[in-house]
Amino acid sequence: MNTIYITHPRFVEHELEGHPEHAGRIRAIWQALDAEGLSSRLKRLDAPPAIVSDLNAVHEPEYLNLLAQVSRQFRDQTVLLNPDTYFTPASYDVAFLAAGGACAAVAEVLLGNARNGLAVVRPPGHHATSDEAMGFCILNNVAIAARFAQRHFSVRRVMIVDYDVHHGNGTEAIFYDDPSVLFISTHQSPLYPGTGALEDRGVGAGERTTINIPVPPGHGDQTYAAIFDQIVWRAARRFAPDLILVSAGFDAHWSERLSNVNMNLTIPGFAHLSRELVRMAEELCYGRIVFVTEGGYHLDALSYGVCGVARALLGDPPASVTDRLGAAPSQRTDSNALIQRVLDLHDLNK
């Protein structure tokens, strides 16, 4: 079976000159997938717009109405929804395409039309809460895709893994009391948005279905591999998901220096994480996994990171991963205490 690849040419229309979340990001991904010969190996579909009822399963109607109102009122100018999230005359439509693209990739996988999937979309989504745009994000694409899977297919349990360097606060908040969604986030701490504390692990029925792994600056491949081996695998096996979704951000690469980011993952390091997640899906949920793009602002790190995801989905060997940026200049490896604290908090020692 094929790997589904969802994107859309209109994603470049969401654009503000000088902003770090610019259209060149997705152009770089498209170009790298073409140059690496990957686009031709993937089953390509254009993202459809999301359906409002699917957005309402995640976002408050008042918030969606506000977006529609802003779109109507400012037809010829770009405005700020908050200090870091812009909204152009095209952004309403483009945001619907981003959410719809994530849902379409999920649908193709769950219908059996594809083995697994990659949604290359923008604007990113994991900071968007149910009622607020935030951190370059307008709609929470991965959360909408999770609810879409549960509402339209026989999917009870969804695991969302977020390895963007920033904590996916919006995704966490949406599912914080929901035992049917396991949210696992590895993120630099301290860093924007200041959420994702180790002790934040869900409430009520959702307690222990939020696993935050706040990693101090300076860590890289060795630490992340250990976290996935000792924490993510154990949590995934205990949860037994029907579907895995990945918020795939590449701003933890060592070359990224956006607003105090200081992590040291490499392209092969990211590729290893992606392969591990594909292996989890193959073991636990018949291979059903979809990666949805989030952050990443160094164009080479972002584009080759996504190529590594595509190769993992296609089953290519580790040696096939292109790394033109090389090894990190240094890496912290003192992660044992952090890993043990997470294991203790979530009763994952067995």
Protein backbone atom coordinates (compact mmCIF):
# COMPACT_ATOMS: atom_id res chain seq x y z
CA MET A 1 0.00 0.00 0.00
CA ASN A 2 1.01 3.61 -0.59
CA THR A 3 1.96 6.38 1.79
CA ILE A 4 -0.53 9.22 1.38
CA TYR A 5 0.95 12.71 0.98
CA ILE A 6 -1.45 15.61 1.47
CA THR A 7 -0.60 19.23 0.74
CA HIS A 8 -2.03 22.12 -1.31
CA PRO A 9 -0.58 24.89 -3.52
CA ARG A 10 -2.69 27.49 -1.69
CA PHE A 11 -0.64 27.07 1.48
CA VAL A 12 1.75 29.73 0.15
CA GLU A 13 -1.03 32.33 0.23
CA HIS A 14 -0.81 32.65 4.03
CA GLU A 15 2.12 35.05 4.06
CA LEU A 16 3.47 38.04 5.97
CA GLU A 17 6.82 39.43 4.84
CA GLY A 18 9.49 39.15 7.51
CA HIS A 19 7.53 36.72 9.69
CA PRO A 20 9.34 33.48 10.65
CA GLU A 21 6.30 31.38 9.67
CA HIS A 22 6.43 32.26 5.98
CA ALA A 23 5.54 30.56 2.71
CA GLY A 24 9.18 29.72 2.00
CA ARG A 25 8.95 27.03 4.64
CA ILE A 26 6.51 24.88 2.71
CA ARG A 27 8.19 25.65 -0.60
CA ALA A 28 11.44 24.30 0.86
CA ILE A 29 9.69 21.07 1.88
CA TRP A 30 8.12 20.62 -1.55
CA GLN A 31 11.44 21.23 -3.27
CA ALA A 32 13.34 18.81 -1.02
CA LEU A 33 10.75 16.05 -1.47
CA ASP A 34 11.05 16.50 -5.23
CA ALA A 35 14.86 16.68 -5.23
CA GLU A 36 15.14 13.55 -3.07
CA GLY A 37 12.85 11.62 -5.43
CA LEU A 38 10.29 11.14 -2.68
CA SER A 39 7.30 12.99 -4.13
CA SER A 40 7.00 10.46 -6.95
CA ARG A 41 6.97 7.59 -4.45
CA LEU A 42 4.12 9.06 -2.40
CA LYS A 43 0.41 9.07 -3.24
CA ARG A 44 -0.26 12.79 -3.61
CA LEU A 45 -3.65 14.40 -2.95
CA ASP A 46 -4.67 18.03 -2.55
CA ALA A 47 -5.98 18.93 0.88
CA PRO A 48 -9.74 19.49 0.97
CA PRO A 49 -11.18 22.20 3.23
CA ALA A 50 -12.24 21.04 6.66
CA ILE A 51 -15.95 20.78 7.42
CA VAL A 52 -17.23 23.18 10.06
CA SER A 53 -18.79 20.38 12.10
CA ASP A 54 -15.35 18.76 12.41
CA LEU A 55 -13.86 22.06 13.57
CA ASN A 56 -16.68 22.45 16.10
CA ALA A 57 -15.60 19.19 17.71
CA VAL A 58 -12.43 21.01 18.83
CA HIS A 59 -12.95 24.77 18.58
CA GLU A 60 -15.60 26.94 20.20
CA PRO A 61 -18.25 28.22 17.77
CA GLU A 62 -17.59 31.77 18.98
CA TYR A 63 -13.95 31.48 17.98
CA LEU A 64 -14.78 30.14 14.53
CA ASN A 65 -17.34 32.91 14.11
CA LEU A 66 -14.66 35.44 15.06
CA LEU A 67 -12.33 34.09 12.36
CA ALA A 68 -15.11 34.31 9.79
CA GLN A 69 -15.92 37.85 10.89
CA VAL A 70 -12.26 38.95 10.65
CA SER A 71 -12.05 37.35 7.20
CA ARG A 72 -15.08 39.31 6.01
CA GLN A 73 -14.07 42.58 7.63
CA PHE A 74 -10.44 42.63 6.48
CA ARG A 75 -10.66 41.42 2.89
CA ASP A 76 -7.78 43.54 1.67
CA GLN A 77 -5.33 43.67 4.56
CA THR A 78 -3.36 41.53 6.95
CA VAL A 79 -4.15 41.81 10.66
CA LEU A 80 -2.73 40.31 13.84
CA LEU A 81 -4.93 37.92 15.80
CA ASN A 82 -2.38 38.32 18.60
CA PRO A 83 1.19 39.66 18.71
CA ASP A 84 2.68 36.62 16.95
CA THR A 85 -0.14 35.21 14.76
CA TYR A 86 -1.09 36.98 11.55
CA PHE A 87 -4.22 36.64 9.44
CA THR A 88 -4.24 37.56 5.75
CA PRO A 89 -7.19 37.78 3.36
CA ALA A 90 -6.39 34.17 2.37
CA SER A 91 -5.75 32.80 5.86
CA TYR A 92 -9.32 31.71 6.61
CA ASP A 93 -9.42 29.45 3.57
CA VAL A 94 -5.85 28.27 4.03
CA ALA A 95 -6.42 27.36 7.69
CA PHE A 96 -9.45 25.29 6.67
CA LEU A 97 -7.24 23.52 4.10
CA ALA A 98 -4.57 22.79 6.73
CA ALA A 99 -7.09 21.19 9.09
CA GLY A 100 -8.79 19.44 6.21
CA GLY A 101 -5.48 18.10 4.97
CA ALA A 102 -4.74 16.47 8.31
CA CYS A 103 -8.23 14.93 8.35
CA ALA A 104 -7.92 13.72 4.75
CA ALA A 105 -4.65 11.94 5.51
CA VAL A 106 -6.30 10.23 8.47
CA ALA A 107 -9.29 9.23 6.34
CA GLU A 108 -7.10 7.70 3.63
CA VAL A 109 -5.28 5.60 6.23
CA LEU A 110 -8.38 4.51 8.13
CA LEU A 111 -10.24 3.67 4.92
CA GLY A 112 -7.38 1.38 3.92
CA ASN A 113 -6.44 3.46 0.88
CA ALA A 114 -2.96 4.10 2.29
CA ARG A 115 -0.67 2.40 4.75
CA ASN A 116 0.27 5.61 6.54
CA GLY A 117 0.35 9.33 5.87
CA LEU A 118 2.14 12.67 5.74
CA ALA A 119 0.25 15.98 5.84
CA VAL A 120 2.51 18.87 4.81
CA VAL A 121 0.34 21.79 5.88
CA ARG A 122 0.49 25.32 7.21
CA PRO A 123 -0.19 27.36 9.22
CA PRO A 124 0.87 25.03 12.04
CA GLY A 125 -1.64 24.13 14.73
CA HIS A 126 -0.43 22.80 18.05
CA HIS A 127 -0.53 26.11 19.97
CA ALA A 128 -4.11 26.92 18.97
CA THR A 129 -6.51 26.33 21.84
CA SER A 130 -10.23 25.72 21.54
CA ASP A 131 -10.94 29.45 21.60
CA GLU A 132 -7.74 31.28 20.69
CA ALA A 133 -5.08 31.59 18.00
CA MET A 134 -1.55 31.48 19.36
CA GLY A 135 2.08 30.94 18.39
CA PHE A 136 1.60 31.23 14.59
CA CYS A 137 -1.34 28.76 14.84
CA ILE A 138 -4.96 29.41 13.87
CA LEU A 139 -6.67 25.99 13.95
CA ASN A 140 -5.33 22.99 15.85
CA ASN A 141 -4.83 20.65 12.90
CA VAL A 142 -3.74 17.55 14.80
CA ALA A 143 -6.48 17.87 17.43
CA ILE A 144 -9.10 18.26 14.71
CA ALA A 145 -7.70 15.15 12.97
CA ALA A 146 -7.86 13.17 16.23
CA ARG A 147 -11.51 14.06 16.82
CA PHE A 148 -12.25 13.44 13.14
CA ALA A 149 -10.92 9.90 13.49
CA GLN A 150 -13.03 9.28 16.57
CA ARG A 151 -16.21 10.81 15.15
CA HIS A 152 -16.16 9.23 11.70
CA PHE A 153 -14.34 5.92 12.21
CA SER A 154 -14.23 3.14 14.78
CA VAL A 155 -11.27 4.75 16.54
CA ARG A 156 -11.49 4.87 20.32
CA ARG A 157 -7.94 5.72 21.40
CA VAL A 158 -5.61 8.18 19.67
CA MET A 159 -2.01 8.78 20.69
CA ILE A 160 -0.53 12.16 19.75
CA VAL A 161 3.24 12.56 19.95
CA ASP A 162 4.60 16.10 19.64
CA TYR A 163 8.37 16.48 19.16
CA ASP A 164 8.32 20.13 18.17
CA VAL A 165 10.74 22.13 20.32
CA HIS A 166 7.82 24.14 21.73
CA HIS A 167 5.21 22.57 23.98
CA GLY A 168 1.92 21.86 22.21
CA ASN A 169 -0.12 23.72 24.78
CA GLY A 170 -3.25 23.92 22.63
CA THR A 171 -3.34 20.18 22.00
CA GLU A 172 -2.74 19.49 25.68
CA ALA A 173 -5.53 21.81 26.79
CA ILE A 174 -8.05 20.35 24.35
CA PHE A 175 -7.54 16.79 25.60
CA TYR A 176 -6.44 17.44 29.20
CA ASP A 177 -9.42 15.64 30.77
CA ASP A 178 -9.95 13.09 28.00
CA PRO A 179 -8.77 9.51 28.64
CA SER A 180 -9.29 8.57 24.97
CA VAL A 181 -6.36 10.70 23.78
CA LEU A 182 -2.80 10.17 25.02
CA PHE A 183 -0.74 13.31 24.49
CA ILE A 184 3.05 13.02 24.79
CA SER A 185 5.22 16.10 24.33
CA THR A 186 8.99 16.44 24.29
CA HIS A 187 9.91 20.12 24.38
CA GLN A 188 12.66 22.47 25.46
CA SER A 189 12.09 23.97 28.88
CA PRO A 190 12.16 26.82 29.68
CA LEU A 191 10.81 28.14 26.36
CA TYR A 192 7.68 29.63 24.80
CA PRO A 193 4.83 29.20 25.66
CA GLY A 194 5.93 28.38 29.20
CA THR A 195 3.59 25.41 29.61
CA GLY A 196 4.23 21.66 29.68
CA ALA A 197 5.45 21.16 33.22
CA LEU A 198 6.44 17.66 34.22
CA GLU A 199 3.69 17.56 36.83
CA ASP A 200 0.96 18.52 34.35
CA ARG A 201 -0.43 15.11 33.51
CA GLY A 202 -4.15 15.53 32.97
CA VAL A 203 -7.16 15.83 35.26
CA GLY A 204 -10.11 13.66 36.21
CA ALA A 205 -10.57 10.72 33.88
CA GLY A 206 -7.72 12.10 31.79
CA GLU A 207 -5.12 11.88 34.53
CA ARG A 208 -1.88 10.30 33.22
CA THR A 209 -2.97 10.62 29.59
CA THR A 210 -0.88 13.77 29.30
CA ILE A 211 2.85 13.06 29.48
CA ASN A 212 5.06 16.12 29.44
CA ILE A 213 8.81 15.66 29.03
CA PRO A 214 10.38 19.12 29.48
CA VAL A 215 13.97 18.80 28.29
CA PRO A 216 16.60 21.35 29.39
CA PRO A 217 18.49 23.21 26.63
CA GLY A 218 21.44 21.50 25.01
CA HIS A 219 20.16 17.94 24.67
CA GLY A 220 20.07 16.10 21.36
CA ASP A 221 19.93 12.73 19.63
CA GLN A 222 21.07 10.55 22.55
CA THR A 223 18.61 12.04 25.01
CA TYR A 224 15.65 11.94 22.64
CA ALA A 225 16.41 8.34 21.65
CA ALA A 226 16.50 7.37 25.33
CA ILE A 227 13.22 9.19 25.99
CA PHE A 228 11.51 7.35 23.16
CA ASP A 229 13.00 4.00 24.18
CA GLN A 230 12.26 4.24 27.88
CA ILE A 231 9.15 6.43 28.06
CA VAL A 232 7.27 6.72 24.78
CA TRP A 233 7.39 3.03 23.94
CA ARG A 234 6.17 2.03 27.41
CA ALA A 235 3.39 4.60 27.40
CA ALA A 236 2.29 3.59 23.90
CA ARG A 237 2.14 -0.10 24.75
CA ARG A 238 0.13 0.58 27.90
CA PHE A 239 -2.30 2.89 26.10
CA ALA A 240 -2.68 0.60 23.03
CA PRO A 241 -3.76 3.26 20.51
CA ASP A 242 -5.94 2.63 17.49
CA LEU A 243 -4.20 5.48 15.65
CA ILE A 244 -1.01 7.51 16.14
CA LEU A 245 -0.76 11.16 15.11
CA VAL A 246 2.50 13.10 15.18
CA SER A 247 2.96 16.84 15.54
CA ALA A 248 6.18 16.94 13.57
CA GLY A 249 8.15 20.10 14.23
CA PHE A 250 11.86 20.35 13.39
CA ASP A 251 12.89 23.37 15.42
CA ALA A 252 14.78 21.22 17.95
CA HIS A 253 17.51 20.85 15.29
CA TRP A 254 20.88 22.20 16.38
CA SER A 255 20.90 24.82 13.59
CA GLU A 256 17.62 26.39 14.78
CA ARG A 257 18.02 29.53 16.82
CA LEU A 258 14.53 31.03 16.82
CA SER A 259 13.76 32.95 20.02
CA ASN A 260 15.91 31.16 22.59
CA VAL A 261 15.68 27.71 21.01
CA ASN A 262 18.79 25.78 21.97
CA MET A 263 18.45 22.06 21.31
CA ASN A 264 20.82 19.77 19.44
CA LEU A 265 18.92 17.18 17.45
CA THR A 266 20.29 16.25 14.01
CA ILE A 267 18.54 15.13 10.83
CA PRO A 268 19.41 11.45 11.51
CA GLY A 269 18.24 11.97 15.10
CA PHE A 270 14.83 13.18 13.92
CA ALA A 271 14.67 10.33 11.41
CA HIS A 272 15.28 7.85 14.21
CA LEU A 273 12.34 9.26 16.18
CA SER A 274 10.13 9.00 13.10
CA ARG A 275 11.15 5.40 12.47
CA GLU A 276 10.43 4.52 16.09
CA LEU A 277 6.95 6.00 15.81
CA VAL A 278 6.31 4.07 12.60
CA ARG A 279 7.46 0.91 14.40
CA MET A 280 5.06 1.66 17.26
CA ALA A 281 2.21 2.00 14.80
CA GLU A 282 3.13 -1.26 13.10
CA GLU A 283 3.22 -3.08 16.44
CA LEU A 284 0.20 -1.47 18.09
CA CYS A 285 -2.31 -0.25 15.49
CA TYR A 286 -1.79 -1.97 12.14
CA GLY A 287 0.66 0.69 10.96
CA ARG A 288 -1.91 3.50 11.15
CA ILE A 289 0.09 6.69 11.67
CA VAL A 290 -0.09 10.20 10.22
CA PHE A 291 2.56 12.92 10.58
CA VAL A 292 1.33 16.53 10.49
CA THR A 293 3.87 19.33 10.08
CA GLU A 294 4.28 21.95 12.80
CA GLY A 295 7.29 24.25 13.40
CA GLY A 296 10.80 24.46 12.02
CA TYR A 297 12.28 27.70 10.74
CA HIS A 298 15.73 26.76 9.45
CA LEU A 299 14.73 25.79 5.92
CA ASP A 300 17.29 23.02 5.41
CA ALA A 301 16.62 21.44 8.81
CA LEU A 302 12.89 21.61 8.19
CA SER A 303 12.92 20.27 4.65
CA TYR A 304 15.35 17.43 5.27
CA GLY A 305 13.55 16.62 8.51
CA VAL A 306 10.34 16.11 6.56
CA CYS A 307 12.22 14.02 4.00
CA GLY A 308 13.34 11.81 6.88
CA VAL A 309 9.70 11.37 7.90
CA ALA A 310 8.77 10.41 4.34
CA ARG A 311 11.56 7.83 4.23
CA ALA A 312 10.44 6.38 7.57
CA LEU A 313 6.88 6.06 6.29
CA LEU A 314 8.11 4.44 3.07
CA GLY A 315 10.26 1.98 5.02
CA ASP A 316 13.62 3.21 3.71
CA PRO A 317 16.72 2.26 5.73
CA PRO A 318 18.45 4.75 8.05
CA ALA A 319 21.37 5.10 5.66
CA SER A 320 19.05 6.67 3.07
CA VAL A 321 18.54 9.83 5.14
CA THR A 322 20.25 12.90 3.69
CA ASP A 323 22.07 15.07 6.24
CA ARG A 324 23.75 18.10 4.74
CA LEU A 325 23.98 19.92 8.05
CA GLY A 326 26.08 17.41 9.98
CA ALA A 327 26.53 16.68 13.64
CA ALA A 328 25.60 19.02 16.46
CA PRO A 329 28.52 21.02 17.90
CA SER A 330 27.79 19.59 21.35
CA GLN A 331 25.15 17.59 23.20
CA ARG A 332 24.14 17.23 26.82
CA THR A 333 23.50 13.64 27.82
CA ASP A 334 22.54 13.93 31.49
CA SER A 335 18.95 12.78 31.01
CA ASN A 336 18.68 9.84 33.41
CA ALA A 337 17.15 11.82 36.27
CA LEU A 338 14.52 13.42 34.02
CA ILE A 339 13.57 10.09 32.46
CA GLN A 340 13.25 8.45 35.87
CA ARG A 341 11.02 11.26 37.17
CA VAL A 342 8.68 10.82 34.21
CA LEU A 343 8.60 7.06 34.70
CA ASP A 344 7.79 7.49 38.41
CA LEU A 345 5.08 10.11 37.83
CA HIS A 346 3.32 7.98 35.27
CA ASP A 347 3.92 4.55 36.81
CA LEU A 348 5.89 3.41 33.77
CA ASN A 349 8.74 1.64 35.54
CA LYS A 350 7.57 -1.84 34.62
